[in-house]
């Protein structure tokens, strides 16, 4: 049964107190994606002033621009969410991922606990059956209290030398405690899926998991204007076999979920709220299986602003801005089917990622080959906007 979105299971704990923006498909003679804002009296289309969400975030003050733009009422929030699922009625408005022209970037290995799990994946060569025995060896060699080590510090350099001597050094430890963060491109522009949609795992993967993360909304000048939630769907077996398979482990059809909305920084929400937020995860299987976990941003090894600065600088430019996954503390190790088998997804799993001030992102697991194919790219977007009179041809 498709996931049913409602204001109760989607909005932040303080409801519409904050400034929530995003994207929705708006029906009409020519339907298309629009920049939207949530208000107490409904969902409003801002596309007459801001044809893309990227354009809004590139404005001098997105918060001021949203507050000064009335927009056009699309529908009630309840109606928008009710039609946001894997097979929406295209004659009605439905939710999209809050990203269009922005590049979708991700930071990896930013939490000590998940960093150790990446080392275990590498040592087990992607075989979940070997992971438990390798886990014991790795913990014995390097422990699990790496959070106190500042990446790039003298203490980190000394630990690196010790681990090399013990033949336990790993490329994951290099980016976890070394000076340079791992920053990679998670998905192509416009490929992300929103809340209510299906997420895809590669049909050949036998060891995979969700990665619940906070996602920053950053413009081309490096200004961070807000945050949302994301699921960096990950294939542990593919990446464990070789880090050179990262693109196949991370970038498959529907493997990048973002949403439900971007919460702009205002008097109710700030970067300090991002630094202190807790991200909760729940996976419910059609077989009755339930897994819960949480990821506290207070445990991150690198400050979010530092990660953003390592993404955009004199060596890397993103003229339409970018969305940045900040990494996850959560790496599930509990057995699902049998002792030593660890956790992996099953088709039909319902994945919910929530945070008190960011709301909840809900998706159902399917194979990437069975999820709705990605066909609406940059060319299609600009043709659509031109036809709707939102940009000049």
Protein backbone atom coordinates (compact mmCIF):
# COMPACT_ATOMS: atom_id res chain seq x y z
CA UNK A 1 0.00 0.00 0.00
CA UNK A 2 1.47 3.41 -0.98
CA UNK A 3 2.70 5.69 1.78
CA UNK A 4 0.05 8.25 2.68
CA UNK A 5 1.47 11.70 3.40
CA UNK A 6 -0.36 14.03 5.76
CA UNK A 7 0.55 17.29 7.51
CA UNK A 8 0.81 15.29 10.74
CA UNK A 9 3.47 12.90 9.41
CA UNK A 10 5.29 15.47 7.27
CA UNK A 11 5.55 18.89 8.93
CA UNK A 12 8.08 19.91 11.61
CA UNK A 13 7.00 19.73 15.24
CA UNK A 14 6.20 23.46 15.18
CA UNK A 15 4.05 23.08 12.07
CA UNK A 16 4.09 26.11 9.78
CA UNK A 17 5.90 28.39 12.22
CA UNK A 18 9.02 28.32 10.06
CA UNK A 19 9.56 29.30 6.43
CA UNK A 20 9.10 26.16 4.32
CA UNK A 21 9.82 26.26 0.60
CA UNK A 22 10.07 23.54 -2.02
CA UNK A 23 8.84 22.38 -5.39
CA UNK A 24 5.59 20.93 -6.63
CA UNK A 25 4.21 19.78 -9.95
CA UNK A 26 1.42 22.21 -10.79
CA UNK A 27 -1.28 21.05 -13.23
CA UNK A 28 -2.72 23.21 -15.98
CA UNK A 29 -2.96 23.44 -19.75
CA UNK A 30 0.77 22.78 -19.57
CA UNK A 31 1.68 21.31 -16.20
CA UNK A 32 5.13 21.71 -14.77
CA UNK A 33 7.35 22.12 -11.72
CA UNK A 34 7.01 25.28 -9.64
CA UNK A 35 8.75 26.85 -6.69
CA UNK A 36 6.32 26.86 -3.76
CA UNK A 37 5.97 28.13 -0.21
CA UNK A 38 3.76 26.73 2.55
CA UNK A 39 1.50 29.12 4.41
CA UNK A 40 -1.35 28.72 6.86
CA UNK A 41 -3.94 29.10 4.10
CA UNK A 42 -2.35 26.73 1.58
CA UNK A 43 0.50 26.05 -0.83
CA UNK A 44 1.46 29.00 -3.04
CA UNK A 45 3.19 28.97 -6.44
CA UNK A 46 6.07 31.49 -6.64
CA UNK A 47 7.14 30.64 -10.19
CA UNK A 48 5.90 33.90 -11.72
CA UNK A 49 8.77 35.59 -9.87
CA UNK A 50 11.16 32.67 -9.40
CA UNK A 51 11.02 30.15 -12.23
CA UNK A 52 13.31 27.77 -10.35
CA UNK A 53 14.11 27.10 -6.72
CA UNK A 54 17.75 27.76 -7.57
CA UNK A 55 16.83 31.26 -8.73
CA UNK A 56 15.07 31.95 -5.43
CA UNK A 57 18.06 30.77 -3.39
CA UNK A 58 20.37 32.89 -5.57
CA UNK A 59 18.43 36.06 -4.69
CA UNK A 60 19.99 38.57 -2.30
CA UNK A 61 17.70 37.46 0.54
CA UNK A 62 15.56 34.38 -0.14
CA UNK A 63 13.73 34.84 3.16
CA UNK A 64 12.81 38.46 2.33
CA UNK A 65 11.85 37.48 -1.23
CA UNK A 66 9.49 34.75 -0.03
CA UNK A 67 7.83 37.06 2.46
CA UNK A 68 7.35 39.77 -0.15
CA UNK A 69 5.94 37.48 -2.85
CA UNK A 70 2.24 36.58 -2.56
CA UNK A 71 2.25 33.90 -5.27
CA UNK A 72 -0.75 31.96 -6.55
CA UNK A 73 -2.68 29.48 -4.44
CA UNK A 74 -2.25 25.93 -5.79
CA UNK A 75 -4.09 23.81 -3.26
CA UNK A 76 -4.38 23.04 0.40
CA UNK A 77 -1.40 21.35 2.03
CA UNK A 78 -3.57 18.33 2.78
CA UNK A 79 -4.50 17.90 -0.90
CA UNK A 80 -0.89 18.33 -2.08
CA UNK A 81 0.42 15.69 0.32
CA UNK A 82 -2.44 13.26 -0.32
CA UNK A 83 -1.47 13.19 -4.02
CA UNK A 84 2.27 12.85 -3.37
CA UNK A 85 3.08 9.18 -3.90
CA UNK A 86 4.63 6.77 -6.39
CA UNK A 87 1.71 7.19 -8.84
CA UNK A 88 0.29 10.70 -8.42
CA UNK A 89 -2.71 12.04 -10.30
CA UNK A 90 -1.02 14.42 -12.75
CA UNK A 91 -4.23 16.42 -12.97
CA UNK A 92 -3.59 17.58 -9.40
CA UNK A 93 -0.59 19.14 -7.66
CA UNK A 94 1.97 16.84 -6.04
CA UNK A 95 5.24 17.22 -4.17
CA UNK A 96 8.67 17.11 -5.83
CA UNK A 97 12.16 17.05 -4.36
CA UNK A 98 13.19 20.57 -3.27
CA UNK A 99 16.03 20.75 -5.80
CA UNK A 100 16.17 21.69 -9.47
CA UNK A 101 19.29 23.29 -11.00
CA UNK A 102 21.45 22.79 -7.91
CA UNK A 103 24.19 20.19 -8.05
CA UNK A 104 23.58 17.45 -5.47
CA UNK A 105 26.76 16.91 -3.46
CA UNK A 106 27.41 14.67 -0.48
CA UNK A 107 30.04 14.41 2.24
CA UNK A 108 31.07 10.95 3.33
CA UNK A 109 32.65 9.56 6.49
CA UNK A 110 31.89 12.60 8.65
CA UNK A 111 30.94 10.61 11.77
CA UNK A 112 33.33 8.35 13.70
CA UNK A 113 30.89 5.43 14.06
CA UNK A 114 30.02 5.27 10.38
CA UNK A 115 33.69 5.79 9.51
CA UNK A 116 34.56 2.59 11.34
CA UNK A 117 31.75 0.78 9.52
CA UNK A 118 33.25 1.89 6.19
CA UNK A 119 36.59 0.42 7.26
CA UNK A 120 34.75 -2.83 8.08
CA UNK A 121 33.07 -2.84 4.65
CA UNK A 122 36.46 -2.46 3.03
CA UNK A 123 38.11 -5.15 5.14
CA UNK A 124 35.17 -7.53 4.50
CA UNK A 125 35.35 -6.79 0.75
CA UNK A 126 31.62 -6.14 0.66
CA UNK A 127 30.66 -9.55 2.10
CA UNK A 128 28.09 -9.15 4.91
CA UNK A 129 28.83 -12.66 6.20
CA UNK A 130 32.41 -11.60 7.04
CA UNK A 131 31.47 -8.24 8.56
CA UNK A 132 30.95 -9.38 12.16
CA UNK A 133 34.35 -11.05 12.52
CA UNK A 134 36.06 -8.14 10.79
CA UNK A 135 34.17 -5.72 13.07
CA UNK A 136 35.76 -7.32 16.14
CA UNK A 137 39.26 -7.10 14.64
CA UNK A 138 38.82 -3.44 13.61
CA UNK A 139 37.42 -2.38 16.99
CA UNK A 140 40.29 -4.13 18.74
CA UNK A 141 42.82 -2.29 16.56
CA UNK A 142 41.39 1.24 16.44
CA UNK A 143 38.58 1.31 19.00
CA UNK A 144 35.45 3.37 18.51
CA UNK A 145 36.28 6.64 20.26
CA UNK A 146 37.53 8.67 17.30
CA UNK A 147 35.11 11.58 17.70
CA UNK A 148 37.55 13.53 19.89
CA UNK A 149 40.15 13.55 17.10
CA UNK A 150 40.00 16.72 15.01
CA UNK A 151 40.45 15.93 11.30
CA UNK A 152 43.79 17.18 10.00
CA UNK A 153 45.25 17.75 13.48
CA UNK A 154 48.64 16.62 14.80
CA UNK A 155 46.84 14.01 16.89
CA UNK A 156 45.19 12.66 13.73
CA UNK A 157 48.58 12.48 11.98
CA UNK A 158 50.04 10.47 14.85
CA UNK A 159 47.09 8.05 14.76
CA UNK A 160 47.54 7.66 11.01
CA UNK A 161 51.21 6.73 11.47
CA UNK A 162 50.28 4.18 14.15
CA UNK A 163 47.59 2.54 12.03
CA UNK A 164 49.88 2.32 9.01
CA UNK A 165 52.40 0.57 11.23
CA UNK A 166 49.67 -1.90 12.31
CA UNK A 167 48.59 -2.37 8.67
CA UNK A 168 45.12 -1.08 9.56
CA UNK A 169 45.15 2.20 7.61
CA UNK A 170 42.20 2.74 5.29
CA UNK A 171 41.12 5.22 2.63
CA UNK A 172 38.03 5.84 4.80
CA UNK A 173 40.17 6.86 7.76
CA UNK A 174 42.07 9.17 5.39
CA UNK A 175 38.95 11.23 4.70
CA UNK A 176 37.55 10.71 8.20
CA UNK A 177 40.47 12.12 10.18
CA UNK A 178 42.66 13.60 7.44
CA UNK A 179 42.57 17.28 6.39
CA UNK A 180 40.43 16.76 3.29
CA UNK A 181 36.75 15.79 3.50
CA UNK A 182 35.24 13.30 1.08
CA UNK A 183 32.92 15.29 -1.18
CA UNK A 184 31.25 13.53 -4.10
CA UNK A 185 28.37 14.10 -6.49
CA UNK A 186 25.42 12.09 -5.25
CA UNK A 187 23.11 12.43 -8.24
CA UNK A 188 22.68 14.37 -11.49
CA UNK A 189 20.82 17.67 -11.53
CA UNK A 190 17.04 17.08 -11.31
CA UNK A 191 17.41 13.35 -10.52
CA UNK A 192 16.38 13.50 -6.84
CA UNK A 193 13.00 12.15 -5.74
CA UNK A 194 10.77 13.70 -3.08
CA UNK A 195 8.78 12.47 -0.14
CA UNK A 196 6.14 9.88 -1.01
CA UNK A 197 8.11 8.59 -4.00
CA UNK A 198 9.80 5.21 -4.24
CA UNK A 199 13.54 4.94 -3.67
CA UNK A 200 15.66 2.53 -5.69
CA UNK A 201 18.31 -0.03 -4.79
CA UNK A 202 20.29 -1.86 -7.45
CA UNK A 203 18.74 -5.30 -8.10
CA UNK A 204 22.16 -6.98 -7.78
CA UNK A 205 22.83 -5.56 -4.32
CA UNK A 206 22.55 -7.95 -1.36
CA UNK A 207 23.83 -5.59 1.35
CA UNK A 208 22.46 -2.05 1.44
CA UNK A 209 20.95 0.48 3.79
CA UNK A 210 19.41 3.93 4.14
CA UNK A 211 21.58 6.84 5.21
CA UNK A 212 19.50 9.50 7.02
CA UNK A 213 21.15 12.89 6.68
CA UNK A 214 20.70 16.62 7.01
CA UNK A 215 21.04 18.39 3.66
CA UNK A 216 22.13 22.03 3.39
CA UNK A 217 20.79 24.44 0.76
CA UNK A 218 23.76 26.54 -0.42
CA UNK A 219 23.86 29.17 -3.16
CA UNK A 220 26.63 29.93 -5.65
CA UNK A 221 28.26 32.39 -3.23
CA UNK A 222 28.56 29.77 -0.51
CA UNK A 223 25.74 31.24 1.56
CA UNK A 224 23.82 28.57 3.48
CA UNK A 225 20.16 29.55 3.48
CA UNK A 226 18.48 26.53 5.05
CA UNK A 227 18.29 22.78 5.39
CA UNK A 228 16.18 19.74 4.66
CA UNK A 229 16.42 15.96 5.04
CA UNK A 230 17.87 13.36 2.71
CA UNK A 231 18.32 9.63 2.22
CA UNK A 232 21.70 8.83 0.69
CA UNK A 233 20.65 5.30 -0.33
CA UNK A 234 23.82 3.20 -0.20
CA UNK A 235 24.94 -0.20 -1.46
CA UNK A 236 27.41 -1.47 1.13
CA UNK A 237 28.42 -4.52 -0.89
CA UNK A 238 29.29 -2.55 -4.04
CA UNK A 239 31.32 0.10 -2.21
CA UNK A 240 32.92 -2.54 0.02
CA UNK A 241 34.20 -4.44 -3.00
CA UNK A 242 35.92 -1.32 -4.29
CA UNK A 243 35.72 2.40 -3.57
CA UNK A 244 35.95 2.86 -7.33
CA UNK A 245 32.39 1.51 -7.47
CA UNK A 246 31.17 4.51 -5.48
CA UNK A 247 29.10 5.85 -8.38
CA UNK A 248 27.30 2.52 -8.73
CA UNK A 249 26.90 2.25 -4.96
CA UNK A 250 25.45 5.75 -4.67
CA UNK A 251 23.99 6.92 -7.97
CA UNK A 252 21.20 4.72 -9.28
CA UNK A 253 17.71 5.62 -10.45
CA UNK A 254 15.70 6.98 -7.49
CA UNK A 255 18.59 6.44 -5.05
CA UNK A 256 18.63 10.09 -3.94
CA UNK A 257 15.67 11.26 -1.82
CA UNK A 258 15.39 14.83 -0.51
CA UNK A 259 12.61 16.60 1.35
CA UNK A 260 9.95 17.19 2.28
CA UNK A 261 10.71 20.94 2.20
CA UNK A 262 13.67 23.27 2.72
CA UNK A 263 13.38 25.21 5.96
CA UNK A 264 14.95 28.64 5.47
CA UNK A 265 16.97 30.22 8.23
CA UNK A 266 14.82 32.78 10.03
CA UNK A 267 13.96 33.79 13.58
CA UNK A 268 12.72 30.21 14.25
CA UNK A 269 15.60 28.21 12.72
CA UNK A 270 19.37 28.71 12.48
CA UNK A 271 22.64 26.96 11.71
CA UNK A 272 22.98 26.17 15.41
CA UNK A 273 19.70 24.24 15.15
CA UNK A 274 21.30 22.23 12.33
CA UNK A 275 24.37 21.55 14.46
CA UNK A 276 22.24 20.29 17.33
CA UNK A 277 19.47 18.43 15.54
CA UNK A 278 18.80 14.72 15.88
CA UNK A 279 17.78 12.76 12.79
CA UNK A 280 15.59 9.72 13.48
CA UNK A 281 15.18 6.73 11.18
CA UNK A 282 12.51 4.05 11.04
CA UNK A 283 12.37 1.16 8.59
CA UNK A 284 9.15 -0.89 8.50
CA UNK A 285 9.10 -4.06 6.42
CA UNK A 286 6.02 -5.66 4.92
CA UNK A 287 7.10 -8.74 6.92
CA UNK A 288 6.51 -6.89 10.21
CA UNK A 289 10.18 -6.07 10.71
CA UNK A 290 10.89 -2.69 12.36
CA UNK A 291 14.26 -1.01 12.80
CA UNK A 292 14.80 2.32 14.51
CA UNK A 293 17.87 4.46 14.94
CA UNK A 294 19.02 8.03 15.27
CA UNK A 295 21.89 10.25 14.21
CA UNK A 296 22.86 13.27 16.31
CA UNK A 297 24.52 16.09 14.43
CA UNK A 298 26.38 16.97 17.64
CA UNK A 299 28.51 13.88 16.95
CA UNK A 300 29.78 15.07 13.56
CA UNK A 301 33.56 15.27 13.16
CA UNK A 302 33.56 18.27 10.82
CA UNK A 303 31.47 21.41 11.24
CA UNK A 304 28.76 21.80 8.55
CA UNK A 305 30.14 25.18 7.50
CA UNK A 306 33.60 23.66 7.03
CA UNK A 307 32.13 20.91 4.83
CA UNK A 308 30.33 23.53 2.73
CA UNK A 309 33.57 25.51 2.41
CA UNK A 310 35.39 22.38 1.22
CA UNK A 311 32.67 21.92 -1.40
CA UNK A 312 32.64 25.43 -2.90
CA UNK A 313 35.88 27.40 -3.09
CA UNK A 314 38.44 28.75 -5.55
CA UNK A 315 38.79 25.27 -7.02
CA UNK A 316 35.09 24.39 -7.31
CA UNK A 317 32.25 26.61 -8.46
CA UNK A 318 28.52 25.88 -8.69
CA UNK A 319 26.80 28.80 -10.46
CA UNK A 320 23.31 27.47 -9.66
CA UNK A 321 24.15 26.52 -6.09
CA UNK A 322 24.17 23.06 -4.54
CA UNK A 323 22.49 20.84 -1.99
CA UNK A 324 24.92 19.18 0.39
CA UNK A 325 24.34 15.93 2.29
CA UNK A 326 26.32 16.17 5.54
CA UNK A 327 26.87 12.47 6.17
CA UNK A 328 25.36 10.11 8.70
CA UNK A 329 26.18 8.57 12.05
CA UNK A 330 23.82 5.71 11.30
CA UNK A 331 25.24 2.45 9.93
CA UNK A 332 22.90 -0.46 10.80
CA UNK A 333 24.62 -3.60 12.07
CA UNK A 334 21.74 -5.54 13.64
CA UNK A 335 20.80 -8.86 12.03
CA UNK A 336 17.56 -8.91 10.08
CA UNK A 337 17.10 -12.49 8.92
CA UNK A 338 19.84 -14.58 10.52
CA UNK A 339 22.78 -14.29 12.90
CA UNK A 340 25.74 -12.67 11.18
CA UNK A 341 23.66 -11.54 8.21
CA UNK A 342 23.45 -7.90 9.25
CA UNK A 343 20.83 -5.51 7.89
CA UNK A 344 19.78 -5.07 4.30
CA UNK A 345 16.67 -3.67 2.65
CA UNK A 346 13.79 -5.73 1.34
CA UNK A 347 11.40 -4.59 -1.35
CA UNK A 348 8.44 -2.77 0.15
CA UNK A 349 10.35 -1.38 3.14
CA UNK A 350 8.93 1.95 4.27
CA UNK A 351 11.73 4.33 5.24
CA UNK A 352 10.94 7.39 7.36
CA UNK A 353 13.59 9.99 8.18
CA UNK A 354 12.55 12.67 10.65
CA UNK A 355 13.90 15.60 12.61
CA UNK A 356 11.92 17.82 14.94
CA UNK A 357 12.49 21.09 13.06
CA UNK A 358 12.75 19.66 9.53
CA UNK A 359 9.74 17.36 9.38
CA UNK A 360 9.72 13.87 7.88
CA UNK A 361 10.78 12.30 4.59
CA UNK A 362 8.94 9.08 3.66
CA UNK A 363 9.83 6.64 0.86
CA UNK A 364 9.17 3.02 -0.11
CA UNK A 365 11.97 0.75 -1.32
CA UNK A 366 11.93 -0.84 -4.75
CA UNK A 367 14.56 -1.83 -7.29
CA UNK A 368 16.06 1.07 -9.21
CA UNK A 369 15.03 -0.70 -12.41
CA UNK A 370 11.38 -0.72 -11.26
CA UNK A 371 11.17 2.83 -9.90
CA UNK A 372 9.72 5.51 -12.15
CA UNK A 373 12.40 6.21 -14.79
CA UNK A 374 14.05 9.63 -14.66
CA UNK A 375 13.11 11.40 -17.90
CA UNK A 376 12.63 15.06 -16.93
CA UNK A 377 16.10 16.56 -17.32
CA UNK A 378 17.49 20.07 -17.74
CA UNK A 379 16.41 20.37 -21.37
CA UNK A 380 12.87 19.29 -20.53
CA UNK A 381 12.75 21.76 -17.64
CA UNK A 382 13.68 24.74 -19.79
CA UNK A 383 11.33 23.77 -22.58
CA UNK A 384 8.56 23.45 -20.02
CA UNK A 385 9.32 26.80 -18.40
CA UNK A 386 9.43 28.48 -21.82
CA UNK A 387 6.11 26.99 -22.86
CA UNK A 388 4.53 28.21 -19.62
CA UNK A 389 5.88 31.72 -20.27
CA UNK A 390 8.13 31.68 -17.22
CA UNK A 391 11.30 32.29 -19.22
CA UNK A 392 11.92 33.64 -22.71
CA UNK A 393 12.75 31.12 -25.42
